[in-house]
Structure formats: structure tokens, C-alpha cells
Amino acid sequence: MLLSESAAVQRKTVEVEKKAVQAARANNYKIPKPPGSYNSQNSNKSAFENNFVDNKGPTQLQIQDDADFQALEEQERTIRELEENIVGVNEIYKKLGALVYEQGLVVDSIESSVEQTSVFVAEGTDQLRKASQYQNKLRKRKVIIVLIIAVVLAILIGIICWKTN
């Protein structure tokens, strides 16, 4: 969502800059008249007079127009660079989004493994507790069986000793 909103804002910015350049070109840049052409003001002067006598006026206009044109070209070049940078940033955002998504899958997998491990540890603890209980019961049974055998042997030995006496 953030990527598309950012890209939309960047595109609008570029479009506004392009329109500004086009408007500036349309309003400010005037093509100078070639030397020897007649102006309506100087229509009674000869071509020589138009080209050399009033040389300061058209030359200054031409210099100003050239400067304006160069400024517009510079602005257009800057806009193109801005567009390229925006495309580059969008590519970086896309790659970053893909990496975040992939890492999210890895993190989810790790989280799942940790949860499974927790369950396995709890089950193992229960099994160890049961095994300990079984071992204690078995030990008690062994002691009881040994006592029973000892009592039986004592009784047998006592009976044998009593009969032999």
C-alpha cells in the first residue's frame, strides 16, 4: 500500500514539473526573427539598417531567449533525472518488499519451529516424569519381592532347622 501511494505521489510531481516546463516554453520562449527580416516598427529601414544599426535590441533579446531556453533545457534534464531516480527508488521499494516478504516467511517458519519445540519439550518432560514414576514403582516392587523371598527363605530355613533339631 505504501509503495503504490509513494509511486503515485512521485508520478504526480513529475507530471506537474513537465506541465510547468511546457507552460514556460509556451509563454516565455520566443523564437528570434532571423537577421534581415522586417519588423513592423522598422519597415521603412533597409535590411542593412535592421541588421547593423539597431544591433543591441535584437541581440539582447536573443541572448535572453537563449538563456531562457538553456534554463528550460536544464530544468527538463533535471526532471528526466528525477524521473529516473523515482524509477530507481520504486525498484528499490519493490526489492525491499520482496525481501521483507521472504524474511517474514522465514520468521514465521522459525516461530513455528519454536512453538513445536516448546510442545515437544513439554511432552518430553511429561514422559520423563512418568518414566521416573514407573522406575520408583519398579524399585518398590523389587524391594517387596526381595523381602517376600527373604521372609520365605527365613521361614524355610526356620522350618528346616526346627525339624532337624
N, C-alpha and C. Protein backbone atom coordinates (compact mmCIF):
# COMPACT_ATOMS: atom_id res chain seq x y z
N MET A 1 0.83 -1.18 0.00
CA MET A 1 0.00 0.00 0.00
C MET A 1 0.88 1.25 0.00
N LEU A 2 1.92 1.28 0.83
CA LEU A 2 2.82 2.41 0.93
C LEU A 2 3.56 2.63 -0.39
N LEU A 3 3.94 1.53 -1.04
CA LEU A 3 4.67 1.63 -2.30
C LEU A 3 3.83 2.30 -3.37
N SER A 4 2.58 1.89 -3.51
CA SER A 4 1.73 2.44 -4.56
C SER A 4 1.41 3.91 -4.28
N GLU A 5 1.19 4.26 -3.03
CA GLU A 5 0.91 5.66 -2.69
C GLU A 5 2.13 6.53 -2.98
N SER A 6 3.30 6.05 -2.62
CA SER A 6 4.53 6.80 -2.87
C SER A 6 4.76 6.97 -4.36
N ALA A 7 4.55 5.91 -5.11
CA ALA A 7 4.75 5.98 -6.56
C ALA A 7 3.76 6.96 -7.18
N ALA A 8 2.52 6.98 -6.70
CA ALA A 8 1.51 7.89 -7.25
C ALA A 8 1.90 9.34 -6.97
N VAL A 9 2.37 9.62 -5.78
CA VAL A 9 2.79 10.99 -5.44
C VAL A 9 3.97 11.40 -6.31
N GLN A 10 4.91 10.49 -6.51
CA GLN A 10 6.07 10.80 -7.33
C GLN A 10 5.67 11.06 -8.77
N ARG A 11 4.75 10.26 -9.31
CA ARG A 11 4.29 10.47 -10.69
C ARG A 11 3.60 11.81 -10.83
N LYS A 12 2.77 12.17 -9.86
CA LYS A 12 2.09 13.47 -9.92
C LYS A 12 3.10 14.62 -9.90
N THR A 13 4.14 14.48 -9.09
CA THR A 13 5.17 15.51 -9.02
C THR A 13 5.85 15.68 -10.37
N VAL A 14 6.18 14.57 -11.01
CA VAL A 14 6.83 14.64 -12.33
C VAL A 14 5.90 15.27 -13.35
N GLU A 15 4.62 14.89 -13.32
CA GLU A 15 3.67 15.46 -14.27
C GLU A 15 3.53 16.97 -14.08
N VAL A 16 3.49 17.41 -12.84
CA VAL A 16 3.38 18.86 -12.56
C VAL A 16 4.62 19.58 -13.09
N GLU A 17 5.80 19.00 -12.87
CA GLU A 17 7.03 19.62 -13.36
C GLU A 17 7.03 19.68 -14.89
N LYS A 18 6.58 18.61 -15.54
CA LYS A 18 6.54 18.60 -17.01
C LYS A 18 5.60 19.69 -17.53
N LYS A 19 4.44 19.80 -16.89
CA LYS A 19 3.49 20.82 -17.32
C LYS A 19 4.07 22.22 -17.11
N ALA A 20 4.81 22.40 -16.03
CA ALA A 20 5.42 23.70 -15.77
C ALA A 20 6.44 24.04 -16.86
N VAL A 21 7.23 23.05 -17.27
CA VAL A 21 8.22 23.28 -18.32
C VAL A 21 7.51 23.61 -19.64
N GLN A 22 6.46 22.86 -19.95
CA GLN A 22 5.74 23.11 -21.20
C GLN A 22 5.09 24.49 -21.19
N ALA A 23 4.53 24.88 -20.05
CA ALA A 23 3.91 26.20 -19.96
C ALA A 23 4.97 27.30 -20.08
N ALA A 24 6.13 27.07 -19.47
CA ALA A 24 7.20 28.06 -19.56
C ALA A 24 7.69 28.20 -21.00
N ARG A 25 7.78 27.07 -21.67
CA ARG A 25 8.19 27.12 -23.08
C ARG A 25 7.17 27.89 -23.91
N ALA A 26 5.91 27.60 -23.65
CA ALA A 26 4.86 28.24 -24.45
C ALA A 26 4.79 29.75 -24.17
N ASN A 27 5.01 30.16 -22.95
CA ASN A 27 4.85 31.56 -22.58
C ASN A 27 6.11 32.40 -22.74
N ASN A 28 7.27 31.86 -22.42
CA ASN A 28 8.47 32.68 -22.34
C ASN A 28 9.39 32.57 -23.54
N TYR A 29 9.45 31.43 -24.13
CA TYR A 29 10.43 31.25 -25.19
C TYR A 29 9.87 31.76 -26.51
N LYS A 30 10.53 32.78 -27.04
CA LYS A 30 10.12 33.35 -28.33
C LYS A 30 11.26 33.14 -29.31
N ILE A 31 10.93 32.66 -30.46
CA ILE A 31 11.95 32.43 -31.48
C ILE A 31 12.35 33.77 -32.07
N PRO A 32 13.65 34.09 -32.00
CA PRO A 32 14.06 35.38 -32.55
C PRO A 32 13.92 35.38 -34.07
N LYS A 33 13.63 36.55 -34.59
CA LYS A 33 13.49 36.67 -36.04
C LYS A 33 14.88 36.62 -36.66
N PRO A 34 15.01 35.98 -37.80
CA PRO A 34 16.32 35.89 -38.43
C PRO A 34 16.77 37.26 -38.90
N PRO A 35 18.09 37.47 -39.01
CA PRO A 35 18.61 38.75 -39.47
C PRO A 35 18.09 39.07 -40.88
N GLY A 36 17.77 40.33 -41.13
CA GLY A 36 17.31 40.75 -42.45
C GLY A 36 15.81 40.75 -42.58
N SER A 37 15.09 40.20 -41.55
CA SER A 37 13.64 40.23 -41.63
C SER A 37 13.17 41.61 -41.19
N TYR A 38 11.99 42.01 -41.63
CA TYR A 38 11.48 43.35 -41.35
C TYR A 38 10.50 43.31 -40.20
N ASN A 39 10.68 44.22 -39.27
CA ASN A 39 9.72 44.40 -38.19
C ASN A 39 8.71 45.42 -38.65
N SER A 40 7.55 45.42 -38.03
CA SER A 40 6.54 46.41 -38.41
C SER A 40 6.99 47.81 -37.98
N GLN A 41 7.82 47.90 -36.92
CA GLN A 41 8.29 49.21 -36.47
C GLN A 41 9.36 49.76 -37.42
N ASN A 42 10.19 48.89 -37.89
CA ASN A 42 11.32 49.33 -38.72
C ASN A 42 11.08 49.05 -40.19
N SER A 43 9.86 49.10 -40.65
CA SER A 43 9.57 48.72 -42.03
C SER A 43 10.17 49.69 -43.03
N ASN A 44 10.42 50.97 -42.66
CA ASN A 44 10.99 51.89 -43.62
C ASN A 44 12.51 51.87 -43.60
N LYS A 45 13.16 51.05 -42.76
CA LYS A 45 14.61 50.95 -42.76
C LYS A 45 15.03 49.84 -43.71
N SER A 46 16.21 49.93 -44.16
CA SER A 46 16.72 48.90 -45.07
C SER A 46 17.15 47.67 -44.28
N ALA A 47 17.45 46.58 -44.99
CA ALA A 47 17.91 45.37 -44.34
C ALA A 47 19.22 45.60 -43.62
N PHE A 48 20.08 46.46 -44.21
CA PHE A 48 21.35 46.78 -43.59
C PHE A 48 21.14 47.47 -42.26
N GLU A 49 20.23 48.44 -42.24
CA GLU A 49 19.96 49.18 -41.01
C GLU A 49 19.36 48.25 -39.95
N ASN A 50 18.48 47.35 -40.39
CA ASN A 50 17.88 46.44 -39.43
C ASN A 50 18.93 45.52 -38.80
N ASN A 51 19.90 45.08 -39.57
CA ASN A 51 20.88 44.13 -39.08
C ASN A 51 21.99 44.77 -38.28
N PHE A 52 22.40 45.99 -38.62
CA PHE A 52 23.59 46.53 -38.00
C PHE A 52 23.36 47.77 -37.17
N VAL A 53 22.41 48.58 -37.49
CA VAL A 53 22.22 49.83 -36.77
C VAL A 53 21.58 49.58 -35.41
N ASP A 54 20.47 48.85 -35.35
CA ASP A 54 19.80 48.56 -34.09
C ASP A 54 20.24 47.17 -33.59
N ASN A 55 21.52 46.92 -33.55
CA ASN A 55 22.05 45.60 -33.22
C ASN A 55 21.88 45.26 -31.75
N LYS A 56 21.81 46.26 -30.87
CA LYS A 56 21.74 45.98 -29.44
C LYS A 56 20.42 45.35 -29.05
N GLY A 57 19.31 45.83 -29.51
CA GLY A 57 17.99 45.33 -29.14
C GLY A 57 17.80 43.85 -29.46
N PRO A 58 17.88 43.46 -30.72
CA PRO A 58 17.66 42.06 -31.04
C PRO A 58 18.71 41.14 -30.41
N THR A 59 19.94 41.60 -30.30
CA THR A 59 20.98 40.74 -29.74
C THR A 59 20.70 40.48 -28.26
N GLN A 60 20.30 41.48 -27.53
CA GLN A 60 19.98 41.29 -26.12
C GLN A 60 18.78 40.38 -25.96
N LEU A 61 17.76 40.56 -26.83
CA LEU A 61 16.60 39.68 -26.78
C LEU A 61 17.00 38.25 -27.10
N GLN A 62 17.86 38.13 -28.08
CA GLN A 62 18.30 36.80 -28.48
C GLN A 62 19.10 36.15 -27.34
N ILE A 63 19.96 36.91 -26.70
CA ILE A 63 20.74 36.38 -25.57
C ILE A 63 19.81 35.97 -24.44
N GLN A 64 18.82 36.81 -24.14
CA GLN A 64 17.86 36.50 -23.08
C GLN A 64 17.05 35.25 -23.43
N ASP A 65 16.63 35.17 -24.70
CA ASP A 65 15.88 34.00 -25.14
C ASP A 65 16.73 32.74 -25.07
N ASP A 66 18.00 32.85 -25.47
CA ASP A 66 18.90 31.70 -25.38
C ASP A 66 19.09 31.28 -23.92
N ALA A 67 19.25 32.26 -23.04
CA ALA A 67 19.41 31.95 -21.61
C ALA A 67 18.15 31.28 -21.07
N ASP A 68 16.97 31.78 -21.47
CA ASP A 68 15.72 31.17 -21.04
C ASP A 68 15.60 29.74 -21.57
N PHE A 69 15.98 29.58 -22.83
CA PHE A 69 15.92 28.26 -23.44
C PHE A 69 16.86 27.28 -22.72
N GLN A 70 18.06 27.74 -22.41
CA GLN A 70 19.02 26.89 -21.69
C GLN A 70 18.49 26.54 -20.29
N ALA A 71 17.87 27.51 -19.64
CA ALA A 71 17.31 27.24 -18.32
C ALA A 71 16.19 26.20 -18.42
N LEU A 72 15.37 26.32 -19.45
CA LEU A 72 14.30 25.34 -19.65
C LEU A 72 14.87 23.95 -19.95
N GLU A 73 15.91 23.92 -20.78
CA GLU A 73 16.53 22.63 -21.08
C GLU A 73 17.13 22.01 -19.81
N GLU A 74 17.75 22.85 -18.99
CA GLU A 74 18.33 22.37 -17.74
C GLU A 74 17.23 21.83 -16.81
N GLN A 75 16.13 22.55 -16.75
CA GLN A 75 15.00 22.10 -15.93
C GLN A 75 14.44 20.80 -16.46
N GLU A 76 14.34 20.66 -17.77
CA GLU A 76 13.83 19.43 -18.37
C GLU A 76 14.78 18.26 -18.09
N ARG A 77 16.09 18.53 -18.18
CA ARG A 77 17.08 17.48 -17.87
C ARG A 77 16.97 17.07 -16.40
N THR A 78 16.76 18.05 -15.55
CA THR A 78 16.61 17.75 -14.13
C THR A 78 15.36 16.91 -13.89
N ILE A 79 14.30 17.21 -14.60
CA ILE A 79 13.06 16.44 -14.47
C ILE A 79 13.28 15.01 -14.94
N ARG A 80 14.01 14.85 -16.05
CA ARG A 80 14.31 13.49 -16.52
C ARG A 80 15.12 12.71 -15.49
N GLU A 81 16.10 13.39 -14.88
CA GLU A 81 16.89 12.74 -13.84
C GLU A 81 16.00 12.36 -12.66
N LEU A 82 15.08 13.26 -12.32
CA LEU A 82 14.15 12.99 -11.22
C LEU A 82 13.30 11.77 -11.55
N GLU A 83 12.83 11.68 -12.79
CA GLU A 83 12.04 10.51 -13.20
C GLU A 83 12.86 9.24 -13.06
N GLU A 84 14.12 9.28 -13.51
CA GLU A 84 14.98 8.11 -13.41
C GLU A 84 15.21 7.73 -11.95
N ASN A 85 15.41 8.74 -11.11
CA ASN A 85 15.60 8.47 -9.69
C ASN A 85 14.34 7.87 -9.07
N ILE A 86 13.19 8.36 -9.48
CA ILE A 86 11.92 7.82 -8.96
C ILE A 86 11.77 6.37 -9.37
N VAL A 87 12.10 6.07 -10.62
CA VAL A 87 12.02 4.68 -11.08
C VAL A 87 12.97 3.81 -10.26
N GLY A 88 14.18 4.33 -10.01
CA GLY A 88 15.15 3.59 -9.21
C GLY A 88 14.65 3.35 -7.80
N VAL A 89 14.08 4.37 -7.19
CA VAL A 89 13.54 4.24 -5.83
C VAL A 89 12.39 3.23 -5.81
N ASN A 90 11.54 3.27 -6.83
CA ASN A 90 10.44 2.30 -6.89
C ASN A 90 10.97 0.88 -7.00
N GLU A 91 12.02 0.69 -7.79
CA GLU A 91 12.63 -0.63 -7.91
C GLU A 91 13.18 -1.08 -6.55
N ILE A 92 13.83 -0.17 -5.86
CA ILE A 92 14.37 -0.50 -4.54
C ILE A 92 13.24 -0.87 -3.59
N TYR A 93 12.13 -0.11 -3.63
CA TYR A 93 10.99 -0.43 -2.77
C TYR A 93 10.44 -1.82 -3.11
N LYS A 94 10.37 -2.14 -4.40
CA LYS A 94 9.85 -3.45 -4.78
C LYS A 94 10.76 -4.56 -4.26
N LYS A 95 12.08 -4.38 -4.45
CA LYS A 95 13.02 -5.39 -3.97
C LYS A 95 12.96 -5.52 -2.45
N LEU A 96 12.87 -4.38 -1.79
CA LEU A 96 12.78 -4.38 -0.33
C LEU A 96 11.50 -5.10 0.12
N GLY A 97 10.40 -4.83 -0.57
CA GLY A 97 9.15 -5.51 -0.24
C GLY A 97 9.27 -7.01 -0.41
N ALA A 98 9.93 -7.43 -1.49
CA ALA A 98 10.11 -8.87 -1.72
C ALA A 98 10.97 -9.48 -0.62
N LEU A 99 12.06 -8.78 -0.23
CA LEU A 99 12.92 -9.28 0.83
C LEU A 99 12.17 -9.36 2.16
N VAL A 100 11.39 -8.33 2.46
CA VAL A 100 10.62 -8.34 3.70
C VAL A 100 9.63 -9.50 3.70
N TYR A 101 8.99 -9.74 2.56
CA TYR A 101 8.05 -10.86 2.46
C TYR A 101 8.77 -12.19 2.69
N GLU A 102 9.91 -12.36 2.01
CA GLU A 102 10.67 -13.61 2.17
C GLU A 102 11.14 -13.78 3.61
N GLN A 103 11.64 -12.70 4.21
CA GLN A 103 12.11 -12.79 5.58
C GLN A 103 10.94 -13.06 6.53
N GLY A 104 9.78 -12.52 6.20
CA GLY A 104 8.59 -12.79 7.00
C GLY A 104 8.26 -14.27 7.00
N LEU A 105 8.41 -14.91 5.83
CA LEU A 105 8.18 -16.36 5.75
C LEU A 105 9.19 -17.11 6.61
N VAL A 106 10.44 -16.68 6.56
CA VAL A 106 11.49 -17.34 7.37
C VAL A 106 11.19 -17.15 8.85
N VAL A 107 10.81 -15.93 9.24
CA VAL A 107 10.50 -15.66 10.64
C VAL A 107 9.29 -16.50 11.08
N ASP A 108 8.28 -16.59 10.22
CA ASP A 108 7.12 -17.42 10.55
C ASP A 108 7.52 -18.88 10.72
N SER A 109 8.42 -19.34 9.85
CA SER A 109 8.90 -20.72 9.95
C SER A 109 9.66 -20.93 11.25
N ILE A 110 10.49 -19.98 11.62
CA ILE A 110 11.25 -20.08 12.88
C ILE A 110 10.29 -20.06 14.06
N GLU A 111 9.30 -19.18 14.01
CA GLU A 111 8.32 -19.10 15.09
C GLU A 111 7.57 -20.42 15.23
N SER A 112 7.20 -21.01 14.11
CA SER A 112 6.51 -22.30 14.12
C SER A 112 7.40 -23.37 14.73
N SER A 113 8.68 -23.37 14.36
CA SER A 113 9.61 -24.35 14.91
C SER A 113 9.78 -24.18 16.41
N VAL A 114 9.84 -22.94 16.87
CA VAL A 114 9.98 -22.68 18.31
C VAL A 114 8.74 -23.18 19.05
N GLU A 115 7.55 -22.94 18.49
CA GLU A 115 6.33 -23.42 19.12
C GLU A 115 6.30 -24.94 19.18
N GLN A 116 6.71 -25.60 18.08
CA GLN A 116 6.75 -27.06 18.07
C GLN A 116 7.75 -27.58 19.10
N THR A 117 8.89 -26.90 19.18
CA THR A 117 9.91 -27.31 20.15
C THR A 117 9.37 -27.19 21.56
N SER A 118 8.65 -26.13 21.82
CA SER A 118 8.05 -25.94 23.15
C SER A 118 7.09 -27.09 23.47
N VAL A 119 6.28 -27.48 22.49
CA VAL A 119 5.34 -28.59 22.68
C VAL A 119 6.11 -29.89 22.92
N PHE A 120 7.16 -30.12 22.13
CA PHE A 120 7.95 -31.34 22.27
C PHE A 120 8.64 -31.40 23.63
N VAL A 121 9.13 -30.27 24.11
CA VAL A 121 9.80 -30.24 25.41
C VAL A 121 8.78 -30.55 26.52
N ALA A 122 7.59 -30.00 26.41
CA ALA A 122 6.55 -30.28 27.41
C ALA A 122 6.19 -31.76 27.40
N GLU A 123 6.05 -32.33 26.21
CA GLU A 123 5.74 -33.77 26.11
C GLU A 123 6.88 -34.61 26.68
N GLY A 124 8.10 -34.22 26.36
CA GLY A 124 9.28 -34.94 26.89
C GLY A 124 9.34 -34.87 28.40
N THR A 125 9.02 -33.72 28.96
CA THR A 125 9.01 -33.57 30.43
C THR A 125 7.96 -34.50 31.05
N ASP A 126 6.79 -34.55 30.44
CA ASP A 126 5.75 -35.46 30.95
C ASP A 126 6.20 -36.91 30.87
N GLN A 127 6.84 -37.29 29.76
CA GLN A 127 7.30 -38.67 29.61
C GLN A 127 8.39 -39.00 30.62
N LEU A 128 9.29 -38.04 30.89
CA LEU A 128 10.33 -38.28 31.89
C LEU A 128 9.72 -38.43 33.29
N ARG A 129 8.71 -37.64 33.60
CA ARG A 129 8.04 -37.74 34.89
C ARG A 129 7.39 -39.12 35.04
N LYS A 130 6.72 -39.56 33.97
CA LYS A 130 6.08 -40.88 34.01
C LYS A 130 7.13 -41.99 34.14
N ALA A 131 8.24 -41.84 33.41
CA ALA A 131 9.30 -42.84 33.48
C ALA A 131 9.88 -42.90 34.89
N SER A 132 10.03 -41.75 35.53
CA SER A 132 10.54 -41.71 36.90
C SER A 132 9.55 -42.39 37.84
N GLN A 133 8.27 -42.15 37.64
CA GLN A 133 7.25 -42.79 38.49
C GLN A 133 7.29 -44.31 38.29
N TYR A 134 7.40 -44.76 37.03
CA TYR A 134 7.46 -46.20 36.76
C TYR A 134 8.71 -46.82 37.40
N GLN A 135 9.82 -46.09 37.34
CA GLN A 135 11.07 -46.59 37.90
C GLN A 135 10.93 -46.72 39.43
N ASN A 136 10.30 -45.72 40.06
CA ASN A 136 10.10 -45.79 41.51
C ASN A 136 9.19 -46.97 41.88
N LYS A 137 8.12 -47.16 41.11
CA LYS A 137 7.21 -48.29 41.37
C LYS A 137 7.95 -49.61 41.21
N LEU A 138 8.77 -49.71 40.14
CA LEU A 138 9.52 -50.94 39.90
C LEU A 138 10.50 -51.20 41.04
N ARG A 139 11.15 -50.17 41.52
CA ARG A 139 12.10 -50.30 42.62
C ARG A 139 11.35 -50.81 43.89
N LYS A 140 10.18 -50.23 44.16
CA LYS A 140 9.39 -50.67 45.33
C LYS A 140 9.00 -52.12 45.18
N ARG A 141 8.59 -52.51 43.97
CA ARG A 141 8.19 -53.91 43.74
C ARG A 141 9.38 -54.85 43.95
N LYS A 142 10.55 -54.41 43.45
CA LYS A 142 11.74 -55.25 43.63
C LYS A 142 12.05 -55.42 45.11
N VAL A 143 11.96 -54.34 45.87
CA VAL A 143 12.24 -54.41 47.32
C VAL A 143 11.22 -55.33 47.99
N ILE A 144 9.94 -55.19 47.62
CA ILE A 144 8.89 -56.02 48.21
C ILE A 144 9.14 -57.49 47.85
N ILE A 145 9.49 -57.76 46.60
CA ILE A 145 9.75 -59.15 46.17
C ILE A 145 10.94 -59.71 46.92
N VAL A 146 12.01 -58.92 47.08
CA VAL A 146 13.21 -59.38 47.81
C VAL A 146 12.82 -59.65 49.27
N LEU A 147 12.02 -58.79 49.87
CA LEU A 147 11.59 -59.01 51.25
C LEU A 147 10.75 -60.28 51.37
N ILE A 148 9.84 -60.46 50.41
CA ILE A 148 8.99 -61.66 50.43
C ILE A 148 9.86 -62.91 50.29
N ILE A 149 10.81 -62.88 49.39
CA ILE A 149 11.72 -64.03 49.19
C ILE A 149 12.54 -64.25 50.46
N ALA A 150 13.00 -63.14 51.06
CA ALA A 150 13.80 -63.27 52.30
C ALA A 150 12.95 -63.88 53.42
N VAL A 151 11.68 -63.43 53.54
CA VAL A 151 10.80 -63.97 54.57
C VAL A 151 10.53 -65.44 54.29
N VAL A 152 10.27 -65.77 53.03
CA VAL A 152 10.01 -67.17 52.68
C VAL A 152 11.25 -68.02 52.97
N LEU A 153 12.41 -67.54 52.62
CA LEU A 153 13.65 -68.28 52.89
C LEU A 153 13.86 -68.42 54.41
N ALA A 154 13.59 -67.34 55.12
CA ALA A 154 13.77 -67.40 56.57
C ALA A 154 12.82 -68.43 57.17
N ILE A 155 11.58 -68.43 56.66
CA ILE A 155 10.61 -69.40 57.15
C ILE A 155 11.07 -70.81 56.79
N LEU A 156 11.54 -71.04 55.59
CA LEU A 156 12.02 -72.37 55.16
C LEU A 156 13.23 -72.81 55.99
N ILE A 157 14.12 -71.85 56.20
CA ILE A 157 15.32 -72.17 56.99
C ILE A 157 14.88 -72.47 58.44
N GLY A 158 13.94 -71.67 58.91
CA GLY A 158 13.45 -71.92 60.27
C GLY A 158 12.77 -73.27 60.37
N ILE A 159 11.97 -73.66 59.39
CA ILE A 159 11.29 -74.95 59.40
C ILE A 159 12.31 -76.07 59.30
N ILE A 160 13.27 -75.91 58.44
CA ILE A 160 14.31 -76.96 58.27
C ILE A 160 15.12 -77.07 59.57
N CYS A 161 15.47 -75.99 60.17
CA CYS A 161 16.24 -76.03 61.42
C CYS A 161 15.36 -76.62 62.56
N TRP A 162 14.13 -76.35 62.62
CA TRP A 162 13.26 -76.84 63.64
C TRP A 162 13.02 -78.34 63.46
N LYS A 163 12.92 -78.82 62.29
CA LYS A 163 12.70 -80.24 62.04
C LYS A 163 13.98 -81.01 62.27
N THR A 164 15.09 -80.43 62.04
CA THR A 164 16.35 -81.13 62.26
C THR A 164 16.74 -81.11 63.74
N ASN A 165 16.22 -80.34 64.50
CA ASN A 165 16.51 -80.29 65.91
C ASN A 165 15.58 -81.19 66.59
